[in-house]
C-alpha atoms as a PDB file:
ATOM      1  CA  MET A   1     -33.051  37.444  57.203  1.00  0.00           C
ATOM      2  CA  ILE A   2     -33.135  34.638  54.675  1.00  0.00           C
ATOM      3  CA  THR A   3     -30.816  34.272  51.731  1.00  0.00           C
ATOM      4  CA  ARG A   4     -32.147  34.475  48.213  1.00  0.00           C
ATOM      5  CA  LEU A   5     -30.660  32.799  45.113  1.00  0.00           C
ATOM      6  CA  TRP A   6     -31.012  34.054  41.682  1.00  0.00           C
ATOM      7  CA  ASN A   7     -29.087  33.081  38.657  1.00  0.00           C
ATOM      8  CA  ARG A   8     -26.556  34.634  40.954  1.00  0.00           C
ATOM      9  CA  PRO A   9     -27.172  34.522  44.700  1.00  0.00           C
ATOM     10  CA  GLY A  10     -28.437  37.441  46.738  1.00  0.00           C
ATOM     11  CA  ALA A  11     -30.520  37.980  49.953  1.00  0.00           C
ATOM     12  CA  LEU A  12     -34.159  37.368  50.936  1.00  0.00           C
ATOM     13  CA  VAL A  13     -35.569  39.230  53.922  1.00  0.00           C
ATOM     14  CA  LEU A  14     -38.246  38.206  56.376  1.00  0.00           C
ATOM     15  CA  ALA A  15     -41.392  40.221  56.757  1.00  0.00           C
ATOM     16  CA  ALA A  16     -40.142  41.762  60.002  1.00  0.00           C
ATOM     17  CA  ALA A  17     -37.288  43.362  58.087  1.00  0.00           C
ATOM     18  CA  ALA A  18     -39.270  44.462  55.050  1.00  0.00           C
ATOM     19  CA  ALA A  19     -39.302  48.202  54.477  1.00  0.00           C
ATOM     20  CA  ALA A  20     -42.242  48.217  52.079  1.00  0.00           C
ATOM     21  CA  ALA A  21     -45.764  48.508  53.433  1.00  0.00           C
ATOM     22  CA  VAL A  22     -47.905  45.418  53.918  1.00  0.00           C
ATOM     23  CA  SER A  23     -50.914  45.031  51.649  1.00  0.00           C
ATOM     24  CA  VAL A  24     -54.249  45.693  53.320  1.00  0.00           C
ATOM     25  CA  SER A  25     -57.652  44.063  52.966  1.00  0.00           C
ATOM     26  CA  GLY A  26     -61.067  45.616  52.668  1.00  0.00           C
ATOM     27  CA  CYS A  27     -62.639  47.893  50.095  1.00  0.00           C
ATOM     28  CA  ARG A  28     -60.361  49.126  47.313  1.00  0.00           C
ATOM     29  CA  LYS A  29     -60.737  52.276  45.269  1.00  0.00           C
ATOM     30  CA  LYS A  30     -60.253  51.773  41.568  1.00  0.00           C
ATOM     31  CA  ASP A  31     -56.859  53.153  40.562  1.00  0.00           C
ATOM     32  CA  ALA A  32     -57.490  56.027  38.183  1.00  0.00           C
ATOM     33  CA  ALA A  33     -53.888  56.154  36.931  1.00  0.00           C
ATOM     34  CA  PRO A  34     -53.200  54.141  33.752  1.00  0.00           C
ATOM     35  CA  PRO A  35     -51.059  51.028  34.292  1.00  0.00           C
ATOM     36  CA  VAL A  36     -47.458  51.224  33.125  1.00  0.00           C
ATOM     37  CA  ALA A  37     -47.158  47.463  32.579  1.00  0.00           C
ATOM     38  CA  THR A  38     -48.923  44.126  32.926  1.00  0.00           C
ATOM     39  CA  PRO A  39     -46.977  41.722  35.172  1.00  0.00           C
ATOM     40  CA  THR A  40     -47.222  37.935  35.257  1.00  0.00           C
ATOM     41  CA  VAL A  41     -45.308  35.329  37.237  1.00  0.00           C
ATOM     42  CA  THR A  42     -44.839  31.624  36.540  1.00  0.00           C
ATOM     43  CA  ILE A  43     -43.192  29.094  38.866  1.00  0.00           C
ATOM     44  CA  ASN A  44     -41.629  25.816  37.789  1.00  0.00           C
ATOM     45  CA  HIS A  45     -43.186  24.015  40.798  1.00  0.00           C
ATOM     46  CA  ASP A  46     -46.647  24.991  42.046  1.00  0.00           C
ATOM     47  CA  ARG A  47     -46.037  22.774  45.106  1.00  0.00           C
ATOM     48  CA  ALA A  48     -42.816  23.708  46.887  1.00  0.00           C
ATOM     49  CA  PRO A  49     -41.362  22.118  50.033  1.00  0.00           C
ATOM     50  CA  LEU A  50     -39.812  24.520  52.528  1.00  0.00           C
ATOM     51  CA  GLY A  51     -36.088  24.816  51.910  1.00  0.00           C
ATOM     52  CA  GLY A  52     -36.324  23.608  48.318  1.00  0.00           C
ATOM     53  CA  PRO A  53     -35.473  25.518  45.123  1.00  0.00           C
ATOM     54  CA  ILE A  54     -38.039  27.094  42.843  1.00  0.00           C
ATOM     55  CA  GLU A  55     -37.489  29.001  39.634  1.00  0.00           C
ATOM     56  CA  ILE A  56     -39.624  32.110  39.291  1.00  0.00           C
ATOM     57  CA  THR A  57     -40.093  33.740  35.887  1.00  0.00           C
ATOM     58  CA  TYR A  58     -41.097  37.397  35.986  1.00  0.00           C
ATOM     59  CA  LYS A  59     -42.675  38.965  32.902  1.00  0.00           C
ATOM     60  CA  PHE A  60     -43.645  42.613  32.342  1.00  0.00           C
ATOM     61  CA  VAL A  61     -45.478  43.735  29.198  1.00  0.00           C
ATOM     62  CA  VAL A  62     -44.862  47.472  29.077  1.00  0.00           C
ATOM     63  CA  ALA A  63     -47.880  49.628  28.225  1.00  0.00           C
ATOM     64  CA  PRO A  64     -47.821  51.405  24.824  1.00  0.00           C
ATOM     65  CA  ASP A  65     -47.736  54.862  26.432  1.00  0.00           C
ATOM     66  CA  ALA A  66     -45.552  54.065  29.461  1.00  0.00           C
ATOM     67  CA  ARG A  67     -42.683  56.311  30.474  1.00  0.00           C
ATOM     68  CA  PHE A  68     -40.277  55.731  33.389  1.00  0.00           C
ATOM     69  CA  ASP A  69     -38.478  58.687  34.976  1.00  0.00           C
ATOM     70  CA  GLN A  70     -36.159  56.564  37.124  1.00  0.00           C
ATOM     71  CA  ASP A  71     -35.092  52.987  37.867  1.00  0.00           C
ATOM     72  CA  TYR A  72     -37.851  51.358  39.892  1.00  0.00           C
ATOM     73  CA  ARG A  73     -37.344  48.279  42.046  1.00  0.00           C
ATOM     74  CA  VAL A  74     -39.506  45.156  41.777  1.00  0.00           C
ATOM     75  CA  MET A  75     -41.400  44.508  45.004  1.00  0.00           C
ATOM     76  CA  VAL A  76     -42.287  40.862  45.679  1.00  0.00           C
ATOM     77  CA  HIS A  77     -44.237  39.850  48.793  1.00  0.00           C
ATOM     78  CA  VAL A  78     -45.061  36.243  49.626  1.00  0.00           C
ATOM     79  CA  VAL A  79     -48.149  36.138  51.865  1.00  0.00           C
ATOM     80  CA  ASP A  80     -50.002  33.346  53.645  1.00  0.00           C
ATOM     81  CA  SER A  81     -53.714  32.506  53.415  1.00  0.00           C
ATOM     82  CA  ASP A  82     -54.482  35.346  55.855  1.00  0.00           C
ATOM     83  CA  ASP A  83     -52.567  37.844  53.683  1.00  0.00           C
ATOM     84  CA  GLU A  84     -49.816  38.081  56.299  1.00  0.00           C
ATOM     85  CA  MET A  85     -46.440  38.658  54.699  1.00  0.00           C
ATOM     86  CA  MET A  86     -43.910  35.870  55.262  1.00  0.00           C
ATOM     87  CA  TRP A  87     -40.921  37.024  53.233  1.00  0.00           C
ATOM     88  CA  THR A  88     -39.973  39.254  50.327  1.00  0.00           C
ATOM     89  CA  ASP A  89     -38.005  38.852  47.121  1.00  0.00           C
ATOM     90  CA  ASP A  90     -37.483  42.518  46.221  1.00  0.00           C
ATOM     91  CA  HIS A  91     -34.916  42.992  43.474  1.00  0.00           C
ATOM     92  CA  ASN A  92     -33.713  45.176  40.629  1.00  0.00           C
ATOM     93  CA  PRO A  93     -34.770  43.857  37.217  1.00  0.00           C
ATOM     94  CA  PRO A  94     -31.873  42.900  34.912  1.00  0.00           C
ATOM     95  CA  VAL A  95     -32.985  45.631  32.490  1.00  0.00           C
ATOM     96  CA  PRO A  96     -33.426  48.855  34.512  1.00  0.00           C
ATOM     97  CA  THR A  97     -36.915  50.341  34.162  1.00  0.00           C
ATOM     98  CA  SER A  98     -35.435  53.591  32.789  1.00  0.00           C
ATOM     99  CA  GLN A  99     -34.525  51.508  29.712  1.00  0.00           C
ATOM    100  CA  TRP A 100     -37.964  49.884  29.273  1.00  0.00           C
ATOM    101  CA  LYS A 101     -39.632  50.869  25.995  1.00  0.00           C
ATOM    102  CA  PRO A 102     -43.377  51.178  25.281  1.00  0.00           C
ATOM    103  CA  GLY A 103     -44.739  47.829  24.097  1.00  0.00           C
ATOM    104  CA  GLN A 104     -41.597  45.946  25.133  1.00  0.00           C
ATOM    105  CA  THR A 105     -41.729  42.625  27.013  1.00  0.00           C
ATOM    106  CA  ILE A 106     -39.233  42.187  29.854  1.00  0.00           C
ATOM    107  CA  GLU A 107     -38.802  38.578  31.017  1.00  0.00           C
ATOM    108  CA  TYR A 108     -36.265  36.928  33.298  1.00  0.00           C
ATOM    109  CA  THR A 109     -35.957  34.003  35.699  1.00  0.00           C
ATOM    110  CA  HIS A 110     -34.612  33.871  39.251  1.00  0.00           C
ATOM    111  CA  THR A 111     -33.929  30.816  41.363  1.00  0.00           C
ATOM    112  CA  ILE A 112     -34.628  31.027  45.086  1.00  0.00           C
ATOM    113  CA  PHE A 113     -34.642  28.554  47.940  1.00  0.00           C
ATOM    114  CA  VAL A 114     -37.945  28.702  49.810  1.00  0.00           C
ATOM    115  CA  PRO A 115     -37.231  29.957  53.334  1.00  0.00           C
ATOM    116  CA  VAL A 116     -37.874  27.462  56.125  1.00  0.00           C
ATOM    117  CA  TYR A 117     -40.783  29.492  57.456  1.00  0.00           C
ATOM    118  CA  PRO A 118     -43.214  28.179  60.129  1.00  0.00           C
ATOM    119  CA  TYR A 119     -46.124  27.810  57.712  1.00  0.00           C
ATOM    120  CA  VAL A 120     -47.469  25.237  55.258  1.00  0.00           C
ATOM    121  CA  GLY A 121     -50.457  25.761  52.985  1.00  0.00           C
ATOM    122  CA  GLU A 122     -51.475  28.103  50.192  1.00  0.00           C
ATOM    123  CA  ALA A 123     -49.356  31.183  49.621  1.00  0.00           C
ATOM    124  CA  SER A 124     -49.718  34.062  47.191  1.00  0.00           C
ATOM    125  CA  ILE A 125     -47.148  36.210  45.446  1.00  0.00           C
ATOM    126  CA  GLU A 126     -47.846  39.944  45.269  1.00  0.00           C
ATOM    127  CA  LEU A 127     -45.816  42.182  43.000  1.00  0.00           C
ATOM    128  CA  GLY A 128     -45.277  45.906  42.471  1.00  0.00           C
ATOM    129  CA  LEU A 129     -42.834  48.511  41.199  1.00  0.00           C
ATOM    130  CA  TYR A 130     -41.608  51.118  43.678  1.00  0.00           C
ATOM    131  CA  SER A 131     -39.244  54.053  43.823  1.00  0.00           C
ATOM    132  CA  ILE A 132     -36.157  53.639  45.976  1.00  0.00           C
ATOM    133  CA  ALA A 133     -36.168  57.395  46.565  1.00  0.00           C
ATOM    134  CA  ASN A 134     -39.655  57.770  48.064  1.00  0.00           C
ATOM    135  CA  GLN A 135     -41.183  54.228  48.163  1.00  0.00           C
ATOM    136  CA  LYS A 136     -44.067  55.293  45.887  1.00  0.00           C
ATOM    137  CA  ARG A 137     -45.446  52.507  43.701  1.00  0.00           C
ATOM    138  CA  LEU A 138     -46.482  52.615  40.065  1.00  0.00           C
ATOM    139  CA  PRO A 139     -49.901  51.462  38.819  1.00  0.00           C
ATOM    140  CA  LEU A 140     -49.904  48.049  37.122  1.00  0.00           C
ATOM    141  CA  ALA A 141     -52.607  45.986  35.424  1.00  0.00           C
ATOM    142  CA  GLY A 142     -53.922  43.109  37.531  1.00  0.00           C
ATOM    143  CA  GLU A 143     -55.585  42.137  40.809  1.00  0.00           C
ATOM    144  CA  ASP A 144     -54.751  45.003  43.165  1.00  0.00           C
ATOM    145  CA  THR A 145     -54.710  43.798  46.773  1.00  0.00           C
ATOM    146  CA  GLY A 146     -54.152  47.343  48.039  1.00  0.00           C
ATOM    147  CA  GLN A 147     -51.420  49.985  47.938  1.00  0.00           C
ATOM    148  CA  ARG A 148     -50.594  48.959  44.349  1.00  0.00           C
ATOM    149  CA  ALA A 149     -49.535  45.436  45.273  1.00  0.00           C
ATOM    150  CA  TYR A 150     -50.818  42.982  42.638  1.00  0.00           C
ATOM    151  CA  ARG A 151     -51.524  39.286  43.169  1.00  0.00           C
ATOM    152  CA  VAL A 152     -49.729  37.442  40.358  1.00  0.00           C
ATOM    153  CA  ALA A 153     -49.338  33.794  41.417  1.00  0.00           C
ATOM    154  CA  ARG A 154     -50.187  31.160  43.989  1.00  0.00           C
ATOM    155  CA  LEU A 155     -48.232  28.182  45.244  1.00  0.00           C
ATOM    156  CA  GLN A 156     -48.647  25.460  47.841  1.00  0.00           C
ATOM    157  CA  LEU A 157     -45.974  25.375  50.533  1.00  0.00           C
ATOM    158  CA  LEU A 158     -45.219  21.847  51.732  1.00  0.00           C
ATOM    159  CA  PRO A 159     -43.372  20.589  54.821  1.00  0.00           C
ATOM    160  CA  GLN A 160     -39.587  20.430  54.590  1.00  0.00           C
ATOM    161  CA  THR A 161     -39.831  16.642  54.940  1.00  0.00           C
ATOM    162  CA  GLU A 162     -41.218  16.514  51.372  1.00  0.00           C
ATOM    163  CA  ASN A 163     -37.719  17.255  50.056  1.00  0.00           C
ATOM    164  CA  LEU A 164     -35.525  14.408  48.863  1.00  0.00           C
ATOM    165  CA  PRO A 165     -33.468  13.355  51.920  1.00  0.00           C
ATOM    166  CA  THR A 166     -29.815  14.331  51.474  1.00  0.00           C
ATOM    167  CA  VAL A 167     -26.988  13.667  53.941  1.00  0.00           C
ATOM    168  CA  PHE A 168     -23.526  15.267  53.948  1.00  0.00           C
ATOM    169  CA  THR A 169     -21.246  12.313  54.596  1.00  0.00           C
ATOM    170  CA  ASP A 170     -17.443  12.388  54.193  1.00  0.00           C
ATOM    171  CA  GLY A 171     -15.255  15.428  53.646  1.00  0.00           C
ATOM    172  CA  TRP A 172     -17.322  18.178  55.259  1.00  0.00           C
ATOM    173  CA  ASN A 173     -16.488  20.635  58.015  1.00  0.00           C
ATOM    174  CA  ALA A 174     -19.087  21.634  60.613  1.00  0.00           C
ATOM    175  CA  ALA A 175     -21.935  23.970  59.660  1.00  0.00           C
ATOM    176  CA  GLU A 176     -21.476  27.705  60.295  1.00  0.00           C
ATOM    177  CA  THR A 177     -23.744  30.741  60.278  1.00  0.00           C
ATOM    178  CA  ALA A 178     -23.146  34.406  59.520  1.00  0.00           C
ATOM    179  CA  ASN A 179     -22.527  36.554  62.601  1.00  0.00           C
ATOM    180  CA  ASN A 180     -25.015  39.203  61.485  1.00  0.00           C
ATOM    181  CA  ASN A 181     -27.583  36.806  60.019  1.00  0.00           C
ATOM    182  CA  PRO A 182     -28.067  33.363  61.613  1.00  0.00           C
ATOM    183  CA  ALA A 183     -30.358  32.286  58.766  1.00  0.00           C
ATOM    184  CA  VAL A 184     -27.391  32.320  56.348  1.00  0.00           C
ATOM    185  CA  GLU A 185     -25.681  28.953  56.790  1.00  0.00           C
ATOM    186  CA  TRP A 186     -22.883  27.144  54.992  1.00  0.00           C
ATOM    187  CA  GLN A 187     -20.489  24.222  55.234  1.00  0.00           C
ATOM    188  CA  TRP A 188     -16.933  24.107  53.954  1.00  0.00           C
ATOM    189  CA  THR A 189     -15.866  21.032  52.053  1.00  0.00           C
ATOM    190  CA  LYS A 190     -12.423  19.560  52.347  1.00  0.00           C
ATOM    191  CA  LYS A 191     -10.569  18.721  49.123  1.00  0.00           C
ATOM    192  CA  ASP A 192     -13.097  15.963  48.419  1.00  0.00           C
ATOM    193  CA  ALA A 193     -16.602  15.747  49.843  1.00  0.00           C
ATOM    194  CA  THR A 194     -19.507  13.370  49.289  1.00  0.00           C
ATOM    195  CA  LEU A 195     -23.229  13.542  49.908  1.00  0.00           C
ATOM    196  CA  SER A 196     -25.728  10.680  49.906  1.00  0.00           C
ATOM    197  CA  PHE A 197     -29.378  10.822  48.901  1.00  0.00           C
ATOM    198  CA  LYS A 198     -32.320   8.597  48.155  1.00  0.00           C
ATOM    199  CA  ASN A 199     -32.185   7.635  44.492  1.00  0.00           C
ATOM    200  CA  PRO A 200     -35.223   9.227  42.777  1.00  0.00           C
ATOM    201  CA  LYS A 201     -34.705   6.807  39.841  1.00  0.00           C
ATOM    202  CA  LYS A 202     -35.576   9.531  37.370  1.00  0.00           C
ATOM    203  CA  ASP A 203     -33.902  12.614  35.947  1.00  0.00           C
ATOM    204  CA  ALA A 204     -32.929  15.226  38.519  1.00  0.00           C
ATOM    205  CA  VAL A 205     -31.120  18.544  38.835  1.00  0.00           C
ATOM    206  CA  PHE A 206     -28.375  19.129  41.393  1.00  0.00           C
ATOM    207  CA  TYR A 207     -28.470  22.695  42.726  1.00  0.00           C
ATOM    208  CA  LEU A 208     -25.050  23.628  44.088  1.00  0.00           C
ATOM    209  CA  ASP A 209     -24.688  27.102  45.605  1.00  0.00           C
ATOM    210  CA  LEU A 210     -21.079  27.810  46.568  1.00  0.00           C
ATOM    211  CA  ASP A 211     -18.198  30.260  46.750  1.00  0.00           C
ATOM    212  CA  ASN A 212     -14.675  30.875  47.955  1.00  0.00           C
ATOM    213  CA  PRO A 213     -14.915  34.129  49.955  1.00  0.00           C
ATOM    214  CA  GLY A 214     -11.261  34.939  49.314  1.00  0.00           C
ATOM    215  CA  GLY A 215      -9.177  37.019  51.675  1.00  0.00           C
ATOM    216  CA  VAL A 216      -6.897  34.184  52.784  1.00  0.00           C
ATOM    217  CA  PHE A 217      -6.943  32.040  49.650  1.00  0.00           C
ATOM    218  CA  ASP A 218      -7.341  34.075  46.458  1.00  0.00           C
ATOM    219  CA  GLN A 219      -6.734  31.564  43.669  1.00  0.00           C
ATOM    220  CA  PRO A 220      -9.274  30.170  41.182  1.00  0.00           C
ATOM    221  CA  GLN A 221     -10.293  26.575  41.851  1.00  0.00           C
ATOM    222  CA  GLN A 222     -11.401  23.826  39.502  1.00  0.00           C
ATOM    223  CA  VAL A 223     -14.469  22.079  40.879  1.00  0.00           C
ATOM    224  CA  ARG A 224     -15.639  18.675  39.655  1.00  0.00           C
ATOM    225  CA  VAL A 225     -19.006  17.096  40.441  1.00  0.00           C
ATOM    226  CA  SER A 226     -19.419  13.403  39.743  1.00  0.00           C
ATOM    227  CA  ILE A 227     -21.422  10.330  40.641  1.00  0.00           C
ATOM    228  CA  VAL A 228     -19.401   8.255  43.109  1.00  0.00           C
ATOM    229  CA  GLY A 229     -18.084   5.342  41.092  1.00  0.00           C
ATOM    230  CA  GLY A 230     -19.651   6.767  37.936  1.00  0.00           C
ATOM    231  CA  ALA A 231     -19.743   9.618  35.455  1.00  0.00           C
ATOM    232  CA  VAL A 232     -18.384  13.148  35.824  1.00  0.00           C
ATOM    233  CA  LEU A 233     -21.406  15.464  35.640  1.00  0.00           C
ATOM    234  CA  GLU A 234     -19.703  18.855  35.382  1.00  0.00           C
ATOM    235  CA  THR A 235     -16.372  20.612  35.841  1.00  0.00           C
ATOM    236  CA  PHE A 236     -16.165  24.374  36.303  1.00  0.00           C
ATOM    237  CA  THR A 237     -13.915  27.181  37.553  1.00  0.00           C
ATOM    238  CA  LEU A 238     -14.741  28.959  40.810  1.00  0.00           C
ATOM    239  CA  GLU A 239     -13.251  32.433  41.085  1.00  0.00           C
ATOM    240  CA  PRO A 240     -12.569  33.845  44.561  1.00  0.00           C
ATOM    241  CA  LYS A 241     -15.111  36.306  45.977  1.00  0.00           C
ATOM    242  CA  HIS A 242     -17.753  35.162  43.508  1.00  0.00           C
ATOM    243  CA  GLN A 243     -20.752  33.152  44.725  1.00  0.00           C
ATOM    244  CA  ILE A 244     -22.424  31.068  42.025  1.00  0.00           C
ATOM    245  CA  LEU A 245     -25.359  28.718  41.655  1.00  0.00           C
ATOM    246  CA  LYS A 246     -24.798  25.707  39.426  1.00  0.00           C
ATOM    247  CA  LYS A 247     -27.746  23.693  38.104  1.00  0.00           C
ATOM    248  CA  ILE A 248     -26.294  20.357  37.097  1.00  0.00           C
ATOM    249  CA  PRO A 249     -28.527  17.858  35.240  1.00  0.00           C
ATOM    250  CA  ILE A 250     -28.359  14.259  36.467  1.00  0.00           C
ATOM    251  CA  PRO A 251     -29.762  11.703  33.998  1.00  0.00           C
ATOM    252  CA  ALA A 252     -31.657   8.833  35.584  1.00  0.00           C
ATOM    253  CA  ALA A 253     -29.300   6.382  33.885  1.00  0.00           C
ATOM    254  CA  ALA A 254     -26.319   7.905  35.719  1.00  0.00           C
ATOM    255  CA  LEU A 255     -27.951   7.230  39.090  1.00  0.00           C
ATOM    256  CA  GLY A 256     -28.295   3.499  38.502  1.00  0.00           C
ATOM    257  CA  THR A 257     -30.861   1.275  40.190  1.00  0.00           C
ATOM    258  CA  ALA A 258     -29.661   1.185  43.815  1.00  0.00           C
ATOM    259  CA  ASP A 259     -31.921   2.716  46.471  1.00  0.00           C
ATOM    260  CA  MET A 260     -29.222   5.238  47.484  1.00  0.00           C
ATOM    261  CA  ALA A 261     -26.874   7.336  45.361  1.00  0.00           C
ATOM    262  CA  GLN A 262     -23.833   9.491  46.094  1.00  0.00           C
ATOM    263  CA  LEU A 263     -22.345  12.618  44.591  1.00  0.00           C
ATOM    264  CA  GLN A 264     -18.749  13.752  45.044  1.00  0.00           C
ATOM    265  CA  ILE A 265     -17.482  17.333  44.955  1.00  0.00           C
ATOM    266  CA  ASP A 266     -13.731  17.613  44.291  1.00  0.00           C
ATOM    267  CA  VAL A 267     -11.560  20.728  44.168  1.00  0.00           C
ATOM    268  CA  ASP A 268      -8.082  20.872  42.709  1.00  0.00           C
ATOM    269  CA  LYS A 269      -6.817  23.163  45.485  1.00  0.00           C
ATOM    270  CA  SER A 270      -7.693  23.103  49.172  1.00  0.00           C
ATOM    271  CA  PHE A 271      -6.012  25.233  51.819  1.00  0.00           C
ATOM    272  CA  VAL A 272      -5.380  25.561  55.559  1.00  0.00           C
ATOM    273  CA  PRO A 273      -5.805  29.222  56.600  1.00  0.00           C
ATOM    274  CA  VAL A 274      -3.233  29.154  59.417  1.00  0.00           C
ATOM    275  CA  GLN A 275      -0.585  27.881  56.998  1.00  0.00           C
ATOM    276  CA  ILE A 276      -1.236  30.654  54.488  1.00  0.00           C
ATOM    277  CA  ALA A 277      -1.688  33.580  56.909  1.00  0.00           C
ATOM    278  CA  PRO A 278      -0.469  32.501  60.368  1.00  0.00           C
ATOM    279  CA  THR A 279      -0.663  36.037  61.747  1.00  0.00           C
ATOM    280  CA  ALA A 280      -4.236  36.566  60.530  1.00  0.00           C
ATOM    281  CA  SER A 281      -5.853  33.190  61.216  1.00  0.00           C
ATOM    282  CA  ARG A 282      -5.703  30.326  63.671  1.00  0.00           C
ATOM    283  CA  ASP A 283      -7.961  28.123  61.551  1.00  0.00           C
ATOM    284  CA  THR A 284      -6.333  24.707  61.141  1.00  0.00           C
ATOM    285  CA  ARG A 285      -9.091  23.141  59.020  1.00  0.00           C
ATOM    286  CA  GLU A 286      -8.570  21.921  55.485  1.00  0.00           C
ATOM    287  CA  LEU A 287     -10.935  24.009  53.358  1.00  0.00           C
ATOM    288  CA  GLY A 288     -12.084  23.432  49.811  1.00  0.00           C
ATOM    289  CA  VAL A 289     -15.179  25.424  48.822  1.00  0.00           C
ATOM    290  CA  ARG A 290     -17.956  26.987  50.880  1.00  0.00           C
ATOM    291  CA  VAL A 291     -21.373  25.424  50.138  1.00  0.00           C
ATOM    292  CA  PHE A 292     -24.603  27.253  51.000  1.00  0.00           C
ATOM    293  CA  HIS A 293     -27.026  24.803  49.382  1.00  0.00           C
ATOM    294  CA  ALA A 294     -26.617  21.339  47.884  1.00  0.00           C
ATOM    295  CA  PHE A 295     -30.007  20.094  46.765  1.00  0.00           C
ATOM    296  CA  ILE A 296     -31.303  17.263  44.559  1.00  0.00           C
ATOM    297  CA  ASP A 297     -34.492  18.227  42.704  1.00  0.00           C
ATOM    298  CA  PRO A 298     -36.144  15.242  40.961  1.00  0.00           C
ATOM    299  CA  ARG A 299     -37.799  16.043  37.635  1.00  0.00           C
END
């Protein structure tokens, strides 16, 4: 499995774990049922390196005579040039379909990190609406690739090396993975942590995906992100048991003219698990916040 990030994080799944049927090629029969909506998808980057963030905007224009008898789930398949599914981005829309009105436009944006999948080249996004109860899909307007999966966008997947090189330097604990999902990885900071990256010398956005899982340490933390030796970019509160994705603008002027730049992540409270709950933990590390992704996206 691969993690997915939205405006709030969630989980992506690989094709091997997908429950929905794979689209098929060959002759298609014209769908006689009237479409309930017209979907479109736009992506902020049409060329996306593996591992990097992209922002996907989903838009549904509901048909004038559409009626929904239940809350349908949005099916999203990402397929390669041979129409083989690589991963999915299935999700519940922020407005449940049972609340969609005829003629209404539903639009929302999710942020995901492209899975590090063993493929580069052209990829397509196929979309549908399906029932959780019986997996049946609704008819939509668009290019039907089979089984009511509709091709809505294309993007070019680039090698991971196309990302801006970023190195975790001081103040980080070793990387860890989830026991039940080795594709979910994180690193704990200490009280202060820095990361170094090649200066893009233009405006950028810092994507910071983090949490404090709680359990041992259940207090809110103040997190500050700043340029090392320079301006504070953002300060925010991190509540325990609440994973968030921050998109922090970095003006080119704040990065200066040096070839390398550094960001610092500070927390007002760090903790040592064994000192807080000696009977429940033997962890002697100093822990600040748990970081799933820290990514510089030049604009």
